[in-house]
Amino acid sequence: LITTVWNPAANPSGTGLWSESANWTGGTVPNSTNKVVLNVSGARACVVSSAVKAGQVVTGDNGDGGTLIVTNGGSLTTSATDWSAIGYNNSNLMIVESGGSVGFGFQLWIGFAAGSDGTLLMNGGTVSVTNLIGLGWNGGKGTARINGGTLRLLQWDGVNSIKGASVLDI
């Protein structure tokens, strides 16, 4: 996968939409061949308002991941072969609003590594994880707050899917 980093500071007149090519390193909107990384401290929120794809999404990867928002009408789909993370080894907040959808084609790690703090906040919409989900799987802190919508999990590990200070709040 080709790594593409969210860096909207390079596009100061932009609106913060995922679909704006100038918000990404290399000036190209990511697709299913990209590892999408959010790790630029102070970057404006990345907003998904249409149908987008990525091979892998890794937020909070060696830097503060900021916020990723999937709005009404927005959908984000990742590949069936690569894991994704919300707060890989740093912090990140992913918000899914009513009418938004996210489909993780493989594993989802929320707050994966030690020192990370990842949060999934669902205010509606749908999030689906085809393989395992892990909150704090490898020493981090993962939080999933489900205020509304549907969280679909295909696999669950009774020992490791919620570890340490992690929380699944429905």
N, C-alpha and C. Protein backbone atom coordinates (compact mmCIF):
# COMPACT_ATOMS: atom_id res chain seq x y z
N LEU A 1 0.84 -1.20 0.00
CA LEU A 1 0.00 0.00 0.00
C LEU A 1 0.87 1.25 0.00
N ILE A 2 0.42 2.27 -0.69
CA ILE A 2 1.10 3.55 -0.75
C ILE A 2 0.56 4.44 0.36
N THR A 3 1.44 4.95 1.21
CA THR A 3 1.01 5.78 2.34
C THR A 3 0.67 7.19 1.86
N THR A 4 -0.49 7.67 2.29
CA THR A 4 -0.96 9.02 2.01
C THR A 4 -1.34 9.66 3.34
N VAL A 5 -0.82 10.84 3.62
CA VAL A 5 -1.02 11.50 4.91
C VAL A 5 -1.97 12.69 4.75
N TRP A 6 -2.92 12.80 5.69
CA TRP A 6 -3.85 13.93 5.75
C TRP A 6 -3.06 15.14 6.24
N ASN A 7 -2.96 16.18 5.40
CA ASN A 7 -2.23 17.39 5.76
C ASN A 7 -2.92 18.60 5.15
N PRO A 8 -4.07 18.99 5.69
CA PRO A 8 -4.83 20.10 5.10
C PRO A 8 -4.15 21.46 5.27
N ALA A 9 -3.09 21.55 6.07
CA ALA A 9 -2.38 22.83 6.18
C ALA A 9 -1.79 23.22 4.82
N ALA A 10 -1.53 22.24 3.97
CA ALA A 10 -1.03 22.51 2.63
C ALA A 10 -2.13 23.06 1.71
N ASN A 11 -3.37 23.07 2.22
CA ASN A 11 -4.52 23.54 1.45
C ASN A 11 -5.33 24.50 2.33
N PRO A 12 -4.77 25.66 2.67
CA PRO A 12 -5.44 26.54 3.63
C PRO A 12 -6.81 27.04 3.21
N SER A 13 -7.12 27.05 1.92
CA SER A 13 -8.44 27.51 1.48
C SER A 13 -9.42 26.34 1.37
N GLY A 14 -9.01 25.13 1.72
CA GLY A 14 -9.87 23.96 1.61
C GLY A 14 -10.94 23.92 2.67
N THR A 15 -11.84 22.96 2.53
CA THR A 15 -12.97 22.82 3.46
C THR A 15 -12.80 21.66 4.43
N GLY A 16 -11.70 20.92 4.34
CA GLY A 16 -11.48 19.79 5.23
C GLY A 16 -12.11 18.49 4.76
N LEU A 17 -12.53 18.46 3.50
CA LEU A 17 -13.15 17.25 2.98
C LEU A 17 -12.10 16.24 2.51
N TRP A 18 -12.34 14.97 2.82
CA TRP A 18 -11.49 13.88 2.34
C TRP A 18 -11.32 13.96 0.83
N SER A 19 -12.37 14.34 0.13
CA SER A 19 -12.41 14.34 -1.33
C SER A 19 -11.59 15.46 -1.98
N GLU A 20 -11.00 16.37 -1.22
CA GLU A 20 -10.16 17.44 -1.77
C GLU A 20 -8.72 16.94 -1.88
N SER A 21 -8.22 16.81 -3.10
CA SER A 21 -6.89 16.24 -3.32
C SER A 21 -5.78 17.05 -2.66
N ALA A 22 -5.91 18.36 -2.57
CA ALA A 22 -4.85 19.19 -1.99
C ALA A 22 -4.68 18.98 -0.48
N ASN A 23 -5.62 18.27 0.16
CA ASN A 23 -5.51 17.98 1.60
C ASN A 23 -4.59 16.79 1.88
N TRP A 24 -4.11 16.11 0.85
CA TRP A 24 -3.33 14.88 1.00
C TRP A 24 -1.93 15.06 0.46
N THR A 25 -0.95 14.41 1.12
CA THR A 25 0.40 14.43 0.58
C THR A 25 0.36 13.77 -0.80
N GLY A 26 1.11 14.33 -1.71
CA GLY A 26 1.09 13.82 -3.07
C GLY A 26 -0.03 14.41 -3.91
N GLY A 27 -0.97 15.13 -3.28
CA GLY A 27 -2.03 15.80 -4.01
C GLY A 27 -3.04 14.90 -4.68
N THR A 28 -3.20 13.68 -4.15
CA THR A 28 -4.14 12.73 -4.73
C THR A 28 -5.07 12.20 -3.66
N VAL A 29 -6.36 12.15 -3.96
CA VAL A 29 -7.33 11.59 -3.01
C VAL A 29 -7.05 10.09 -2.87
N PRO A 30 -6.96 9.58 -1.64
CA PRO A 30 -6.67 8.16 -1.44
C PRO A 30 -7.75 7.25 -2.01
N ASN A 31 -7.32 6.01 -2.34
CA ASN A 31 -8.26 4.99 -2.80
C ASN A 31 -7.85 3.65 -2.19
N SER A 32 -8.34 2.57 -2.73
CA SER A 32 -8.12 1.25 -2.14
C SER A 32 -6.67 0.78 -2.20
N THR A 33 -5.79 1.53 -2.87
CA THR A 33 -4.37 1.16 -2.92
C THR A 33 -3.56 1.92 -1.89
N ASN A 34 -4.23 2.73 -1.04
CA ASN A 34 -3.52 3.59 -0.09
C ASN A 34 -3.70 3.17 1.36
N LYS A 35 -2.62 3.35 2.12
CA LYS A 35 -2.68 3.35 3.58
C LYS A 35 -2.88 4.82 3.93
N VAL A 36 -4.03 5.13 4.52
CA VAL A 36 -4.36 6.50 4.89
C VAL A 36 -3.91 6.73 6.33
N VAL A 37 -3.12 7.78 6.53
CA VAL A 37 -2.58 8.09 7.85
C VAL A 37 -3.02 9.49 8.27
N LEU A 38 -3.54 9.60 9.48
CA LEU A 38 -3.82 10.90 10.08
C LEU A 38 -2.88 11.02 11.26
N ASN A 39 -1.88 11.92 11.16
CA ASN A 39 -0.89 12.05 12.24
C ASN A 39 -0.28 13.45 12.32
N VAL A 40 -0.88 14.43 11.68
CA VAL A 40 -0.35 15.79 11.70
C VAL A 40 -1.03 16.55 12.84
N SER A 41 -0.25 16.87 13.87
CA SER A 41 -0.78 17.57 15.03
C SER A 41 -1.40 18.91 14.62
N GLY A 42 -2.58 19.20 15.14
CA GLY A 42 -3.25 20.46 14.87
C GLY A 42 -3.99 20.53 13.55
N ALA A 43 -3.98 19.44 12.78
CA ALA A 43 -4.69 19.45 11.49
C ALA A 43 -6.19 19.56 11.72
N ARG A 44 -6.86 20.24 10.82
CA ARG A 44 -8.32 20.33 10.92
C ARG A 44 -8.93 18.94 10.73
N ALA A 45 -10.14 18.77 11.19
CA ALA A 45 -10.83 17.48 11.07
C ALA A 45 -10.93 17.07 9.62
N CYS A 46 -10.83 15.77 9.38
CA CYS A 46 -11.00 15.18 8.05
C CYS A 46 -12.45 14.73 7.96
N VAL A 47 -13.18 15.26 6.98
CA VAL A 47 -14.62 15.00 6.87
C VAL A 47 -14.90 14.14 5.63
N VAL A 48 -15.57 13.01 5.87
CA VAL A 48 -16.01 12.12 4.80
C VAL A 48 -17.48 12.41 4.57
N SER A 49 -17.81 12.98 3.40
CA SER A 49 -19.20 13.34 3.12
C SER A 49 -19.72 12.65 1.86
N SER A 50 -18.91 11.75 1.29
CA SER A 50 -19.29 11.01 0.10
C SER A 50 -18.71 9.60 0.24
N ALA A 51 -18.87 8.78 -0.76
CA ALA A 51 -18.34 7.41 -0.71
C ALA A 51 -16.84 7.43 -1.02
N VAL A 52 -16.03 6.93 -0.07
CA VAL A 52 -14.57 6.87 -0.26
C VAL A 52 -14.07 5.49 0.15
N LYS A 53 -12.90 5.13 -0.39
CA LYS A 53 -12.29 3.84 -0.07
C LYS A 53 -10.83 4.04 0.30
N ALA A 54 -10.32 3.11 1.09
CA ALA A 54 -8.90 3.08 1.44
C ALA A 54 -8.50 1.63 1.65
N GLY A 55 -7.26 1.32 1.36
CA GLY A 55 -6.78 -0.02 1.67
C GLY A 55 -6.72 -0.22 3.17
N GLN A 56 -6.28 0.82 3.88
CA GLN A 56 -6.09 0.76 5.33
C GLN A 56 -6.20 2.19 5.86
N VAL A 57 -6.78 2.36 7.04
CA VAL A 57 -6.84 3.65 7.71
C VAL A 57 -6.14 3.49 9.06
N VAL A 58 -5.09 4.31 9.27
CA VAL A 58 -4.34 4.23 10.53
C VAL A 58 -4.22 5.66 11.07
N THR A 59 -5.05 5.98 12.04
CA THR A 59 -5.04 7.31 12.63
C THR A 59 -4.22 7.29 13.91
N GLY A 60 -3.60 8.41 14.22
CA GLY A 60 -2.74 8.45 15.40
C GLY A 60 -1.54 7.53 15.23
N ASP A 61 -0.94 7.56 14.05
CA ASP A 61 0.22 6.71 13.71
C ASP A 61 1.47 7.58 13.79
N ASN A 62 2.16 7.53 14.94
CA ASN A 62 3.37 8.33 15.19
C ASN A 62 3.08 9.83 15.19
N GLY A 63 1.93 10.21 15.68
CA GLY A 63 1.52 11.60 15.81
C GLY A 63 0.04 11.67 16.10
N ASP A 64 -0.39 12.77 16.72
CA ASP A 64 -1.79 12.98 17.06
C ASP A 64 -2.63 12.90 15.79
N GLY A 65 -3.63 12.02 15.80
CA GLY A 65 -4.45 11.81 14.61
C GLY A 65 -5.59 12.78 14.43
N GLY A 66 -5.82 13.65 15.39
CA GLY A 66 -6.91 14.61 15.26
C GLY A 66 -8.26 13.93 15.22
N THR A 67 -9.12 14.35 14.28
CA THR A 67 -10.48 13.86 14.21
C THR A 67 -10.83 13.47 12.78
N LEU A 68 -11.51 12.34 12.66
CA LEU A 68 -12.05 11.86 11.38
C LEU A 68 -13.56 11.76 11.56
N ILE A 69 -14.32 12.47 10.73
CA ILE A 69 -15.78 12.53 10.87
C ILE A 69 -16.42 11.97 9.61
N VAL A 70 -17.33 11.00 9.78
CA VAL A 70 -18.12 10.46 8.67
C VAL A 70 -19.53 11.01 8.85
N THR A 71 -19.94 11.88 7.93
CA THR A 71 -21.20 12.60 8.06
C THR A 71 -22.34 11.87 7.36
N ASN A 72 -23.53 12.43 7.47
CA ASN A 72 -24.71 11.92 6.78
C ASN A 72 -24.42 11.87 5.28
N GLY A 73 -24.56 10.70 4.69
CA GLY A 73 -24.27 10.53 3.27
C GLY A 73 -22.85 10.11 2.98
N GLY A 74 -21.99 10.13 3.99
CA GLY A 74 -20.61 9.72 3.81
C GLY A 74 -20.44 8.24 4.11
N SER A 75 -19.54 7.59 3.38
CA SER A 75 -19.22 6.20 3.67
C SER A 75 -17.74 5.97 3.42
N LEU A 76 -17.13 5.22 4.32
CA LEU A 76 -15.72 4.89 4.26
C LEU A 76 -15.61 3.37 4.30
N THR A 77 -14.91 2.80 3.33
CA THR A 77 -14.74 1.35 3.24
C THR A 77 -13.26 1.03 3.13
N THR A 78 -12.80 0.04 3.93
CA THR A 78 -11.40 -0.38 3.85
C THR A 78 -11.33 -1.81 3.29
N SER A 79 -10.12 -2.21 2.91
CA SER A 79 -9.93 -3.51 2.26
C SER A 79 -10.13 -4.68 3.22
N ALA A 80 -10.27 -5.86 2.63
CA ALA A 80 -10.47 -7.09 3.40
C ALA A 80 -9.15 -7.74 3.78
N THR A 81 -8.03 -7.10 3.49
CA THR A 81 -6.74 -7.73 3.76
C THR A 81 -5.87 -6.97 4.75
N ASP A 82 -6.22 -5.74 5.10
CA ASP A 82 -5.39 -4.94 5.99
C ASP A 82 -6.18 -4.42 7.18
N TRP A 83 -5.56 -4.51 8.37
CA TRP A 83 -6.18 -3.99 9.58
C TRP A 83 -6.21 -2.47 9.52
N SER A 84 -7.07 -1.87 10.33
CA SER A 84 -7.13 -0.42 10.48
C SER A 84 -7.10 -0.09 11.96
N ALA A 85 -6.76 1.15 12.28
CA ALA A 85 -6.66 1.55 13.69
C ALA A 85 -7.17 2.97 13.89
N ILE A 86 -7.87 3.14 14.99
CA ILE A 86 -8.27 4.46 15.47
C ILE A 86 -7.41 4.70 16.71
N GLY A 87 -6.39 5.54 16.59
CA GLY A 87 -5.44 5.73 17.69
C GLY A 87 -4.45 4.58 17.75
N TYR A 88 -3.61 4.45 16.72
CA TYR A 88 -2.67 3.33 16.64
C TYR A 88 -1.64 3.38 17.78
N ASN A 89 -0.83 4.43 17.84
CA ASN A 89 0.11 4.57 18.95
C ASN A 89 0.08 5.99 19.51
N ASN A 90 -0.97 6.73 19.18
CA ASN A 90 -1.17 8.09 19.64
C ASN A 90 -2.69 8.29 19.75
N SER A 91 -3.16 9.51 19.76
CA SER A 91 -4.59 9.73 19.95
C SER A 91 -5.32 9.97 18.63
N ASN A 92 -6.62 9.69 18.64
CA ASN A 92 -7.50 9.99 17.51
C ASN A 92 -8.94 9.81 17.95
N LEU A 93 -9.81 10.59 17.31
CA LEU A 93 -11.24 10.49 17.52
C LEU A 93 -11.89 10.29 16.16
N MET A 94 -12.68 9.21 16.03
CA MET A 94 -13.49 9.00 14.83
C MET A 94 -14.95 9.16 15.24
N ILE A 95 -15.67 10.03 14.53
CA ILE A 95 -17.08 10.28 14.80
C ILE A 95 -17.87 9.80 13.60
N VAL A 96 -18.91 9.01 13.85
CA VAL A 96 -19.83 8.58 12.80
C VAL A 96 -21.19 9.17 13.13
N GLU A 97 -21.67 10.01 12.23
CA GLU A 97 -22.94 10.69 12.43
C GLU A 97 -24.08 9.88 11.83
N SER A 98 -25.31 10.24 12.18
CA SER A 98 -26.49 9.60 11.63
C SER A 98 -26.44 9.71 10.10
N GLY A 99 -26.65 8.58 9.43
CA GLY A 99 -26.61 8.55 7.98
C GLY A 99 -25.24 8.26 7.40
N GLY A 100 -24.21 8.16 8.25
CA GLY A 100 -22.86 7.83 7.81
C GLY A 100 -22.61 6.34 7.98
N SER A 101 -21.63 5.80 7.25
CA SER A 101 -21.30 4.39 7.43
C SER A 101 -19.81 4.15 7.23
N VAL A 102 -19.30 3.19 8.00
CA VAL A 102 -17.91 2.78 7.89
C VAL A 102 -17.89 1.26 7.85
N GLY A 103 -17.18 0.73 6.88
CA GLY A 103 -17.02 -0.72 6.76
C GLY A 103 -15.55 -1.08 6.81
N PHE A 104 -15.13 -1.66 7.94
CA PHE A 104 -13.75 -2.12 8.08
C PHE A 104 -13.72 -3.55 7.56
N GLY A 105 -13.02 -3.77 6.46
CA GLY A 105 -13.02 -5.07 5.79
C GLY A 105 -12.23 -6.14 6.51
N PHE A 106 -11.41 -5.75 7.50
CA PHE A 106 -10.62 -6.73 8.24
C PHE A 106 -10.67 -6.34 9.71
N GLN A 107 -9.56 -6.26 10.38
CA GLN A 107 -9.54 -5.99 11.82
C GLN A 107 -9.59 -4.49 12.11
N LEU A 108 -10.15 -4.15 13.29
CA LEU A 108 -10.16 -2.77 13.77
C LEU A 108 -9.57 -2.73 15.17
N TRP A 109 -8.53 -1.93 15.32
CA TRP A 109 -7.90 -1.73 16.63
C TRP A 109 -8.20 -0.30 17.06
N ILE A 110 -8.76 -0.15 18.25
CA ILE A 110 -9.05 1.17 18.82
C ILE A 110 -8.14 1.33 20.03
N GLY A 111 -7.23 2.33 19.99
CA GLY A 111 -6.26 2.48 21.06
C GLY A 111 -5.35 1.27 21.13
N PHE A 112 -4.60 1.01 20.07
CA PHE A 112 -3.85 -0.24 19.94
C PHE A 112 -2.62 -0.34 20.84
N ALA A 113 -1.62 0.47 20.62
CA ALA A 113 -0.32 0.32 21.30
C ALA A 113 -0.25 1.14 22.59
N ALA A 114 0.69 0.77 23.44
CA ALA A 114 0.91 1.50 24.70
C ALA A 114 1.07 2.99 24.40
N GLY A 115 0.40 3.83 25.19
CA GLY A 115 0.46 5.27 25.01
C GLY A 115 -0.61 5.81 24.08
N SER A 116 -1.34 4.94 23.41
CA SER A 116 -2.38 5.41 22.49
C SER A 116 -3.70 5.63 23.22
N ASP A 117 -4.54 6.47 22.64
CA ASP A 117 -5.86 6.75 23.19
C ASP A 117 -6.81 6.98 22.00
N GLY A 118 -7.46 5.92 21.56
CA GLY A 118 -8.35 6.01 20.42
C GLY A 118 -9.80 5.96 20.85
N THR A 119 -10.64 6.74 20.16
CA THR A 119 -12.06 6.78 20.49
C THR A 119 -12.91 6.70 19.23
N LEU A 120 -13.89 5.80 19.26
CA LEU A 120 -14.94 5.73 18.25
C LEU A 120 -16.20 6.26 18.90
N LEU A 121 -16.77 7.32 18.34
CA LEU A 121 -18.00 7.92 18.85
C LEU A 121 -19.06 7.78 17.76
N MET A 122 -20.09 6.99 18.05
CA MET A 122 -21.18 6.81 17.10
C MET A 122 -22.41 7.58 17.58
N ASN A 123 -22.82 8.55 16.77
CA ASN A 123 -24.04 9.31 17.06
C ASN A 123 -25.16 8.88 16.12
N GLY A 124 -24.99 7.74 15.52
CA GLY A 124 -25.91 7.20 14.54
C GLY A 124 -25.10 6.50 13.48
N GLY A 125 -25.74 6.16 12.38
CA GLY A 125 -25.02 5.52 11.29
C GLY A 125 -24.71 4.07 11.58
N THR A 126 -23.78 3.52 10.80
CA THR A 126 -23.42 2.11 10.91
C THR A 126 -21.91 1.96 10.84
N VAL A 127 -21.38 1.12 11.71
CA VAL A 127 -19.98 0.71 11.64
C VAL A 127 -19.96 -0.81 11.65
N SER A 128 -19.27 -1.40 10.66
CA SER A 128 -19.17 -2.85 10.54
C SER A 128 -17.70 -3.24 10.55
N VAL A 129 -17.38 -4.30 11.31
CA VAL A 129 -16.03 -4.83 11.37
C VAL A 129 -16.11 -6.30 10.99
N THR A 130 -15.46 -6.67 9.87
CA THR A 130 -15.56 -8.01 9.33
C THR A 130 -14.77 -9.04 10.12
N ASN A 131 -13.67 -8.63 10.77
CA ASN A 131 -12.83 -9.54 11.53
C ASN A 131 -12.81 -9.05 12.98
N LEU A 132 -11.77 -9.30 13.70
CA LEU A 132 -11.69 -8.94 15.12
C LEU A 132 -11.71 -7.44 15.37
N ILE A 133 -12.25 -7.07 16.53
CA ILE A 133 -12.13 -5.72 17.04
C ILE A 133 -11.35 -5.82 18.35
N GLY A 134 -10.52 -4.82 18.60
CA GLY A 134 -9.77 -4.79 19.85
C GLY A 134 -9.70 -3.38 20.40
N LEU A 135 -10.11 -3.22 21.64
CA LEU A 135 -9.99 -1.94 22.34
C LEU A 135 -8.86 -2.12 23.35
N GLY A 136 -7.74 -1.41 23.14
CA GLY A 136 -6.58 -1.55 24.02
C GLY A 136 -5.87 -2.88 23.83
N TRP A 137 -5.96 -3.47 22.66
CA TRP A 137 -5.46 -4.82 22.38
C TRP A 137 -3.99 -5.00 22.77
N ASN A 138 -3.16 -4.01 22.49
CA ASN A 138 -1.72 -4.15 22.71
C ASN A 138 -1.19 -3.10 23.69
N GLY A 139 -1.99 -2.77 24.72
CA GLY A 139 -1.52 -1.89 25.77
C GLY A 139 -2.04 -0.47 25.74
N GLY A 140 -2.77 -0.09 24.71
CA GLY A 140 -3.32 1.26 24.63
C GLY A 140 -4.67 1.35 25.33
N LYS A 141 -5.33 2.49 25.15
CA LYS A 141 -6.67 2.69 25.71
C LYS A 141 -7.62 2.95 24.54
N GLY A 142 -8.64 2.10 24.43
CA GLY A 142 -9.64 2.26 23.40
C GLY A 142 -11.01 2.49 24.00
N THR A 143 -11.74 3.42 23.41
CA THR A 143 -13.08 3.74 23.89
C THR A 143 -14.03 3.72 22.69
N ALA A 144 -15.13 3.02 22.82
CA ALA A 144 -16.18 3.04 21.82
C ALA A 144 -17.47 3.45 22.53
N ARG A 145 -17.98 4.62 22.16
CA ARG A 145 -19.23 5.14 22.74
C ARG A 145 -20.28 5.09 21.64
N ILE A 146 -21.29 4.25 21.87
CA ILE A 146 -22.34 4.05 20.88
C ILE A 146 -23.59 4.76 21.39
N ASN A 147 -23.77 6.01 20.97
CA ASN A 147 -24.92 6.81 21.37
C ASN A 147 -26.13 6.54 20.49
N GLY A 148 -25.90 5.92 19.34
CA GLY A 148 -26.96 5.61 18.41
C GLY A 148 -26.36 4.90 17.21
N GLY A 149 -27.21 4.35 16.38
CA GLY A 149 -26.74 3.66 15.20
C GLY A 149 -26.55 2.17 15.44
N THR A 150 -25.81 1.53 14.54
CA THR A 150 -25.60 0.09 14.61
C THR A 150 -24.12 -0.23 14.51
N LEU A 151 -23.62 -0.97 15.49
CA LEU A 151 -22.25 -1.47 15.48
C LEU A 151 -22.33 -2.97 15.20
N ARG A 152 -21.80 -3.39 14.04
CA ARG A 152 -21.83 -4.81 13.65
C ARG A 152 -20.43 -5.39 13.79
N LEU A 153 -20.31 -6.42 14.64
CA LEU A 153 -19.03 -7.07 14.87
C LEU A 153 -19.14 -8.53 14.48
N LEU A 154 -18.31 -8.97 13.56
CA LEU A 154 -18.36 -10.35 13.10
C LEU A 154 -17.63 -11.29 14.05
N GLN A 155 -16.53 -10.83 14.67
CA GLN A 155 -15.76 -11.67 15.58
C GLN A 155 -15.49 -10.92 16.88
N TRP A 156 -15.40 -11.71 17.95
CA TRP A 156 -15.17 -11.14 19.28
C TRP A 156 -14.27 -12.10 20.05
N ASP A 157 -13.25 -11.57 20.70
CA ASP A 157 -12.39 -12.36 21.56
C ASP A 157 -12.75 -12.03 23.00
N GLY A 158 -13.30 -13.01 23.72
CA GLY A 158 -13.79 -12.79 25.08
C GLY A 158 -12.73 -12.34 26.07
N VAL A 159 -11.47 -12.56 25.78
CA VAL A 159 -10.38 -12.15 26.67
C VAL A 159 -9.73 -10.86 26.20
N ASN A 160 -9.51 -10.70 24.90
CA ASN A 160 -8.68 -9.61 24.40
C ASN A 160 -9.41 -8.47 23.70
N SER A 161 -10.69 -8.57 23.41
CA SER A 161 -11.35 -7.49 22.67
C SER A 161 -11.51 -6.22 23.47
N ILE A 162 -11.54 -6.30 24.79
CA ILE A 162 -11.53 -5.10 25.64
C ILE A 162 -10.52 -5.35 26.74
N LYS A 163 -9.43 -4.56 26.73
CA LYS A 163 -8.36 -4.77 27.69
C LYS A 163 -8.02 -3.48 28.45
N GLY A 164 -7.46 -3.65 29.63
CA GLY A 164 -6.96 -2.52 30.43
C GLY A 164 -8.05 -1.54 30.77
N ALA A 165 -7.78 -0.25 30.52
CA ALA A 165 -8.72 0.83 30.85
C ALA A 165 -9.72 1.10 29.73
N SER A 166 -9.79 0.22 28.75
CA SER A 166 -10.67 0.42 27.60
C SER A 166 -12.13 0.21 27.97
N VAL A 167 -13.02 0.83 27.18
CA VAL A 167 -14.46 0.81 27.48
C VAL A 167 -15.28 0.69 26.20
N LEU A 168 -16.29 -0.17 26.23
CA LEU A 168 -17.33 -0.21 25.20
C LEU A 168 -18.61 0.24 25.90
N ASP A 169 -19.08 1.44 25.56
CA ASP A 169 -20.24 2.05 26.22
C ASP A 169 -21.38 2.13 25.22
N ILE A 170 -22.42 1.31 25.44
CA ILE A 170 -23.56 1.28 24.54
C ILE A 170 -24.76 1.93 25.23
